[in-house]
């Protein structure tokens, strides 16, 4: 058992049996790699943004009214 000194008290770590039980119960302390998102999925998410849709709609209205420079 590991013993840590230097704190306000002496702390004793888990025993090997307790570690095995915790590993069975919770699994190992590992991070799972994130799934990479597809480029087209990212573009679709951007296109569904309300502000982006608003800007596209207003630019179409200005273009249809004959003032594409605005």
PDB file of N, CA and C in Angstrom:
ATOM      1  N   UNK A   1       0.841  -1.191   0.000  1.00  0.00           N
ATOM      2  CA  UNK A   1       0.000   0.000   0.000  1.00  0.00           C
ATOM      3  C   UNK A   1       0.877   1.241   0.000  1.00  0.00           C
ATOM      4  N   UNK A   2       0.462   2.193  -0.783  1.00  0.00           N
ATOM      5  CA  UNK A   2       1.231   3.435  -0.871  1.00  0.00           C
ATOM      6  C   UNK A   2       0.842   4.356   0.270  1.00  0.00           C
ATOM      7  N   UNK A   3       1.836   5.011   0.830  1.00  0.00           N
ATOM      8  CA  UNK A   3       1.598   5.932   1.936  1.00  0.00           C
ATOM      9  C   UNK A   3       2.161   7.285   1.550  1.00  0.00           C
ATOM     10  N   UNK A   4       1.340   8.331   1.676  1.00  0.00           N
ATOM     11  CA  UNK A   4       1.745   9.662   1.282  1.00  0.00           C
ATOM     12  C   UNK A   4       1.900  10.531   2.515  1.00  0.00           C
ATOM     13  N   UNK A   5       3.064  11.090   2.663  1.00  0.00           N
ATOM     14  CA  UNK A   5       3.327  11.993   3.781  1.00  0.00           C
ATOM     15  C   UNK A   5       3.373  13.425   3.265  1.00  0.00           C
ATOM     16  N   UNK A   6       3.294  14.376   4.153  1.00  0.00           N
ATOM     17  CA  UNK A   6       3.410  15.765   3.774  1.00  0.00           C
ATOM     18  C   UNK A   6       2.081  16.488   3.777  1.00  0.00           C
ATOM     19  N   UNK A   7       0.989  15.788   3.984  1.00  0.00           N
ATOM     20  CA  UNK A   7      -0.323  16.416   4.079  1.00  0.00           C
ATOM     21  C   UNK A   7      -0.655  16.613   5.549  1.00  0.00           C
ATOM     22  N   UNK A   8      -1.853  17.060   5.831  1.00  0.00           N
ATOM     23  CA  UNK A   8      -2.228  17.273   7.222  1.00  0.00           C
ATOM     24  C   UNK A   8      -2.339  15.940   7.974  1.00  0.00           C
ATOM     25  N   UNK A   9      -2.472  14.861   7.236  1.00  0.00           N
ATOM     26  CA  UNK A   9      -2.518  13.537   7.847  1.00  0.00           C
ATOM     27  C   UNK A   9      -1.842  12.552   6.924  1.00  0.00           C
ATOM     28  N   UNK A  10      -1.689  11.333   7.374  1.00  0.00           N
ATOM     29  CA  UNK A  10      -1.108  10.299   6.524  1.00  0.00           C
ATOM     30  C   UNK A  10      -2.237   9.606   5.775  1.00  0.00           C
ATOM     31  N   UNK A  11      -2.097   9.515   4.460  1.00  0.00           N
ATOM     32  CA  UNK A  11      -3.109   8.887   3.637  1.00  0.00           C
ATOM     33  C   UNK A  11      -2.562   7.590   3.065  1.00  0.00           C
ATOM     34  N   UNK A  12      -3.381   6.583   3.091  1.00  0.00           N
ATOM     35  CA  UNK A  12      -2.989   5.273   2.575  1.00  0.00           C
ATOM     36  C   UNK A  12      -3.826   4.995   1.332  1.00  0.00           C
ATOM     37  N   UNK A  13      -3.186   4.562   0.251  1.00  0.00           N
ATOM     38  CA  UNK A  13      -3.870   4.290  -1.006  1.00  0.00           C
ATOM     39  C   UNK A  13      -4.653   2.992  -0.964  1.00  0.00           C
ATOM     40  N   UNK A  14      -5.229   2.614  -2.105  1.00  0.00           N
ATOM     41  CA  UNK A  14      -6.030   1.397  -2.213  1.00  0.00           C
ATOM     42  C   UNK A  14      -5.135   0.170  -2.229  1.00  0.00           C
ATOM     43  N   UNK A  15      -5.684  -0.929  -1.742  1.00  0.00           N
ATOM     44  CA  UNK A  15      -4.953  -2.180  -1.826  1.00  0.00           C
ATOM     45  C   UNK A  15      -5.100  -2.736  -3.239  1.00  0.00           C
ATOM     46  N   UNK A  16      -4.336  -3.755  -3.575  1.00  0.00           N
ATOM     47  CA  UNK A  16      -4.383  -4.352  -4.909  1.00  0.00           C
ATOM     48  C   UNK A  16      -5.768  -4.938  -5.184  1.00  0.00           C
ATOM     49  N   UNK A  17      -6.392  -5.526  -4.167  1.00  0.00           N
ATOM     50  CA  UNK A  17      -7.741  -6.087  -4.335  1.00  0.00           C
ATOM     51  C   UNK A  17      -8.749  -4.982  -4.634  1.00  0.00           C
ATOM     52  N   UNK A  18      -8.652  -3.881  -3.918  1.00  0.00           N
ATOM     53  CA  UNK A  18      -9.567  -2.764  -4.146  1.00  0.00           C
ATOM     54  C   UNK A  18      -9.382  -2.175  -5.543  1.00  0.00           C
ATOM     55  N   UNK A  19      -8.138  -2.121  -6.008  1.00  0.00           N
ATOM     56  CA  UNK A  19      -7.868  -1.629  -7.350  1.00  0.00           C
ATOM     57  C   UNK A  19      -8.510  -2.538  -8.388  1.00  0.00           C
ATOM     58  N   UNK A  20      -8.375  -3.846  -8.212  1.00  0.00           N
ATOM     59  CA  UNK A  20      -8.983  -4.794  -9.148  1.00  0.00           C
ATOM     60  C   UNK A  20     -10.503  -4.659  -9.166  1.00  0.00           C
ATOM     61  N   UNK A  21     -11.099  -4.481  -8.006  1.00  0.00           N
ATOM     62  CA  UNK A  21     -12.556  -4.316  -7.929  1.00  0.00           C
ATOM     63  C   UNK A  21     -12.982  -3.042  -8.639  1.00  0.00           C
ATOM     64  N   UNK A  22     -12.232  -1.963  -8.435  1.00  0.00           N
ATOM     65  CA  UNK A  22     -12.557  -0.696  -9.096  1.00  0.00           C
ATOM     66  C   UNK A  22     -12.390  -0.799 -10.615  1.00  0.00           C
ATOM     67  N   UNK A  23     -11.354  -1.531 -11.065  1.00  0.00           N
ATOM     68  CA  UNK A  23     -11.167  -1.715 -12.504  1.00  0.00           C
ATOM     69  C   UNK A  23     -12.326  -2.498 -13.109  1.00  0.00           C
ATOM     70  N   UNK A  24     -12.793  -3.518 -12.415  1.00  0.00           N
ATOM     71  CA  UNK A  24     -13.926  -4.302 -12.920  1.00  0.00           C
ATOM     72  C   UNK A  24     -15.197  -3.462 -12.951  1.00  0.00           C
ATOM     73  N   UNK A  25     -15.355  -2.631 -11.944  1.00  0.00           N
ATOM     74  CA  UNK A  25     -16.586  -1.843 -11.824  1.00  0.00           C
ATOM     75  C   UNK A  25     -16.606  -0.663 -12.790  1.00  0.00           C
ATOM     76  N   UNK A  26     -15.513   0.097 -12.892  1.00  0.00           N
ATOM     77  CA  UNK A  26     -15.483   1.338 -13.664  1.00  0.00           C
ATOM     78  C   UNK A  26     -14.622   1.274 -14.918  1.00  0.00           C
ATOM     79  N   UNK A  27     -13.796   0.266 -15.066  1.00  0.00           N
ATOM     80  CA  UNK A  27     -12.891   0.191 -16.206  1.00  0.00           C
ATOM     81  C   UNK A  27     -11.599   0.935 -15.915  1.00  0.00           C
ATOM     82  N   UNK A  28     -10.707   0.909 -16.886  1.00  0.00           N
ATOM     83  CA  UNK A  28      -9.416   1.551 -16.711  1.00  0.00           C
ATOM     84  C   UNK A  28      -9.545   3.057 -16.898  1.00  0.00           C
ATOM     85  N   UNK A  29      -8.593   3.784 -16.398  1.00  0.00           N
ATOM     86  CA  UNK A  29      -8.582   5.236 -16.486  1.00  0.00           C
ATOM     87  C   UNK A  29      -7.985   5.639 -17.835  1.00  0.00           C
ATOM     88  N   UNK A  30      -8.791   5.476 -18.897  1.00  0.00           N
ATOM     89  CA  UNK A  30      -8.331   5.766 -20.249  1.00  0.00           C
ATOM     90  C   UNK A  30      -9.332   6.672 -20.950  1.00  0.00           C
ATOM     91  N   UNK A  31      -8.821   7.546 -21.780  1.00  0.00           N
ATOM     92  CA  UNK A  31      -9.675   8.385 -22.606  1.00  0.00           C
ATOM     93  C   UNK A  31      -9.887   7.683 -23.937  1.00  0.00           C
ATOM     94  N   UNK A  32     -11.128   7.668 -24.379  1.00  0.00           N
ATOM     95  CA  UNK A  32     -11.429   7.067 -25.672  1.00  0.00           C
ATOM     96  C   UNK A  32     -11.238   8.136 -26.746  1.00  0.00           C
ATOM     97  N   UNK A  33     -10.623   7.769 -27.844  1.00  0.00           N
ATOM     98  CA  UNK A  33     -10.397   8.776 -28.903  1.00  0.00           C
ATOM     99  C   UNK A  33     -11.721   9.243 -29.490  1.00  0.00           C
ATOM    100  N   UNK A  34     -11.766  10.544 -29.808  1.00  0.00           N
ATOM    101  CA  UNK A  34     -12.979  11.113 -30.374  1.00  0.00           C
ATOM    102  C   UNK A  34     -13.108  10.684 -31.828  1.00  0.00           C
ATOM    103  N   UNK A  35     -14.350  10.494 -32.252  1.00  0.00           N
ATOM    104  CA  UNK A  35     -14.583  10.173 -33.644  1.00  0.00           C
ATOM    105  C   UNK A  35     -14.416  11.440 -34.472  1.00  0.00           C
ATOM    106  N   UNK A  36     -13.714  11.326 -35.570  1.00  0.00           N
ATOM    107  CA  UNK A  36     -13.519  12.478 -36.441  1.00  0.00           C
ATOM    108  C   UNK A  36     -14.780  12.684 -37.265  1.00  0.00           C
ATOM    109  N   UNK A  37     -15.214  13.944 -37.334  1.00  0.00           N
ATOM    110  CA  UNK A  37     -16.419  14.235 -38.081  1.00  0.00           C
ATOM    111  C   UNK A  37     -16.086  14.450 -39.551  1.00  0.00           C
ATOM    112  N   UNK A  38     -17.012  14.061 -40.374  1.00  0.00           N
ATOM    113  CA  UNK A  38     -16.872  14.172 -41.808  1.00  0.00           C
ATOM    114  C   UNK A  38     -16.937  15.643 -42.231  1.00  0.00           C
ATOM    115  N   UNK A  39     -16.220  16.016 -43.284  1.00  0.00           N
ATOM    116  CA  UNK A  39     -16.208  17.386 -43.776  1.00  0.00           C
ATOM    117  C   UNK A  39     -17.610  17.821 -44.183  1.00  0.00           C
ATOM    118  N   UNK A  40     -18.338  16.960 -44.877  1.00  0.00           N
ATOM    119  CA  UNK A  40     -19.677  17.314 -45.345  1.00  0.00           C
ATOM    120  C   UNK A  40     -20.650  17.476 -44.177  1.00  0.00           C
ATOM    121  N   UNK A  41     -20.440  16.726 -43.110  1.00  0.00           N
ATOM    122  CA  UNK A  41     -21.265  16.875 -41.915  1.00  0.00           C
ATOM    123  C   UNK A  41     -21.020  18.236 -41.267  1.00  0.00           C
ATOM    124  N   UNK A  42     -19.758  18.680 -41.252  1.00  0.00           N
ATOM    125  CA  UNK A  42     -19.439  19.996 -40.701  1.00  0.00           C
ATOM    126  C   UNK A  42     -20.083  21.100 -41.530  1.00  0.00           C
ATOM    127  N   UNK A  43     -20.034  20.956 -42.858  1.00  0.00           N
ATOM    128  CA  UNK A  43     -20.647  21.947 -43.745  1.00  0.00           C
ATOM    129  C   UNK A  43     -22.149  21.986 -43.518  1.00  0.00           C
ATOM    130  N   UNK A  44     -22.765  20.834 -43.353  1.00  0.00           N
ATOM    131  CA  UNK A  44     -24.205  20.769 -43.105  1.00  0.00           C
ATOM    132  C   UNK A  44     -24.570  21.465 -41.801  1.00  0.00           C
ATOM    133  N   UNK A  45     -23.763  21.300 -40.784  1.00  0.00           N
ATOM    134  CA  UNK A  45     -24.014  21.962 -39.498  1.00  0.00           C
ATOM    135  C   UNK A  45     -23.931  23.484 -39.663  1.00  0.00           C
ATOM    136  N   UNK A  46     -22.938  23.951 -40.434  1.00  0.00           N
ATOM    137  CA  UNK A  46     -22.788  25.388 -40.658  1.00  0.00           C
ATOM    138  C   UNK A  46     -23.973  25.929 -41.434  1.00  0.00           C
ATOM    139  N   UNK A  47     -24.432  25.184 -42.438  1.00  0.00           N
ATOM    140  CA  UNK A  47     -25.553  25.645 -43.257  1.00  0.00           C
ATOM    141  C   UNK A  47     -26.864  25.717 -42.480  1.00  0.00           C
ATOM    142  N   UNK A  48     -26.973  24.959 -41.405  1.00  0.00           N
ATOM    143  CA  UNK A  48     -28.199  24.959 -40.604  1.00  0.00           C
ATOM    144  C   UNK A  48     -28.226  26.046 -39.530  1.00  0.00           C
ATOM    145  N   UNK A  49     -27.150  26.815 -39.422  1.00  0.00           N
ATOM    146  CA  UNK A  49     -27.103  27.890 -38.427  1.00  0.00           C
ATOM    147  C   UNK A  49     -28.112  28.983 -38.773  1.00  0.00           C
ATOM    148  N   UNK A  50     -28.893  29.456 -37.813  1.00  0.00           N
ATOM    149  CA  UNK A  50     -29.903  30.479 -38.092  1.00  0.00           C
ATOM    150  C   UNK A  50     -29.322  31.790 -38.629  1.00  0.00           C
ATOM    151  N   UNK A  51     -28.196  32.232 -38.105  1.00  0.00           N
ATOM    152  CA  UNK A  51     -27.610  33.492 -38.566  1.00  0.00           C
ATOM    153  C   UNK A  51     -27.138  33.360 -40.015  1.00  0.00           C
ATOM    154  N   UNK A  52     -26.557  32.227 -40.356  1.00  0.00           N
ATOM    155  CA  UNK A  52     -26.118  31.999 -41.729  1.00  0.00           C
ATOM    156  C   UNK A  52     -27.316  32.002 -42.674  1.00  0.00           C
ATOM    157  N   UNK A  53     -28.400  31.328 -42.288  1.00  0.00           N
ATOM    158  CA  UNK A  53     -29.608  31.314 -43.120  1.00  0.00           C
ATOM    159  C   UNK A  53     -30.188  32.716 -43.270  1.00  0.00           C
ATOM    160  N   UNK A  54     -30.171  33.493 -42.212  1.00  0.00           N
ATOM    161  CA  UNK A  54     -30.664  34.868 -42.280  1.00  0.00           C
ATOM    162  C   UNK A  54     -29.835  35.702 -43.248  1.00  0.00           C
ATOM    163  N   UNK A  55     -28.525  35.583 -43.199  1.00  0.00           N
ATOM    164  CA  UNK A  55     -27.658  36.323 -44.106  1.00  0.00           C
ATOM    165  C   UNK A  55     -27.875  35.902 -45.559  1.00  0.00           C
ATOM    166  N   UNK A  56     -28.038  34.629 -45.806  1.00  0.00           N
ATOM    167  CA  UNK A  56     -28.278  34.146 -47.166  1.00  0.00           C
ATOM    168  C   UNK A  56     -29.616  34.675 -47.679  1.00  0.00           C
ATOM    169  N   UNK A  57     -30.653  34.620 -46.851  1.00  0.00           N
ATOM    170  CA  UNK A  57     -31.984  35.107 -47.259  1.00  0.00           C
ATOM    171  C   UNK A  57     -31.958  36.611 -47.557  1.00  0.00           C
ATOM    172  N   UNK A  58     -31.307  37.382 -46.720  1.00  0.00           N
ATOM    173  CA  UNK A  58     -31.252  38.827 -46.957  1.00  0.00           C
ATOM    174  C   UNK A  58     -30.434  39.151 -48.201  1.00  0.00           C
ATOM    175  N   UNK A  59     -29.367  38.403 -48.434  1.00  0.00           N
ATOM    176  CA  UNK A  59     -28.582  38.660 -49.651  1.00  0.00           C
ATOM    177  C   UNK A  59     -29.387  38.298 -50.892  1.00  0.00           C
ATOM    178  N   UNK A  60     -30.187  37.249 -50.848  1.00  0.00           N
ATOM    179  CA  UNK A  60     -31.054  36.909 -51.983  1.00  0.00           C
ATOM    180  C   UNK A  60     -32.100  37.993 -52.229  1.00  0.00           C
ATOM    181  N   UNK A  61     -32.658  38.518 -51.164  1.00  0.00           N
ATOM    182  CA  UNK A  61     -33.657  39.591 -51.308  1.00  0.00           C
ATOM    183  C   UNK A  61     -33.018  40.812 -51.949  1.00  0.00           C
ATOM    184  N   UNK A  62     -31.847  41.230 -51.490  1.00  0.00           N
ATOM    185  CA  UNK A  62     -31.159  42.378 -52.075  1.00  0.00           C
ATOM    186  C   UNK A  62     -30.818  42.111 -53.542  1.00  0.00           C
ATOM    187  N   UNK A  63     -30.398  40.891 -53.847  1.00  0.00           N
ATOM    188  CA  UNK A  63     -30.056  40.565 -55.227  1.00  0.00           C
ATOM    189  C   UNK A  63     -31.296  40.612 -56.124  1.00  0.00           C
ATOM    190  N   UNK A  64     -32.433  40.080 -55.626  1.00  0.00           N
ATOM    191  CA  UNK A  64     -33.675  40.092 -56.406  1.00  0.00           C
ATOM    192  C   UNK A  64     -34.234  41.508 -56.576  1.00  0.00           C
ATOM    193  N   UNK A  65     -33.966  42.377 -55.624  1.00  0.00           N
ATOM    194  CA  UNK A  65     -34.437  43.753 -55.742  1.00  0.00           C
ATOM    195  C   UNK A  65     -33.554  44.585 -56.670  1.00  0.00           C
ATOM    196  N   UNK A  66     -32.466  44.041 -57.138  1.00  0.00           N
ATOM    197  CA  UNK A  66     -31.630  44.747 -58.091  1.00  0.00           C
ATOM    198  C   UNK A  66     -30.495  45.526 -57.479  1.00  0.00           C
ATOM    199  N   UNK A  67     -30.165  45.257 -56.242  1.00  0.00           N
ATOM    200  CA  UNK A  67     -29.056  45.965 -55.594  1.00  0.00           C
ATOM    201  C   UNK A  67     -28.046  44.939 -55.046  1.00  0.00           C
ATOM    202  N   UNK A  68     -27.345  44.257 -55.945  1.00  0.00           N
ATOM    203  CA  UNK A  68     -26.429  43.212 -55.481  1.00  0.00           C
ATOM    204  C   UNK A  68     -25.206  43.749 -54.752  1.00  0.00           C
ATOM    205  N   UNK A  69     -24.881  45.030 -54.901  1.00  0.00           N
ATOM    206  CA  UNK A  69     -23.734  45.601 -54.213  1.00  0.00           C
ATOM    207  C   UNK A  69     -23.989  45.733 -52.717  1.00  0.00           C
ATOM    208  N   UNK A  70     -25.244  45.877 -52.308  1.00  0.00           N
ATOM    209  CA  UNK A  70     -25.559  46.007 -50.880  1.00  0.00           C
ATOM    210  C   UNK A  70     -25.447  44.657 -50.224  1.00  0.00           C
TER     211      UNK A  70
END
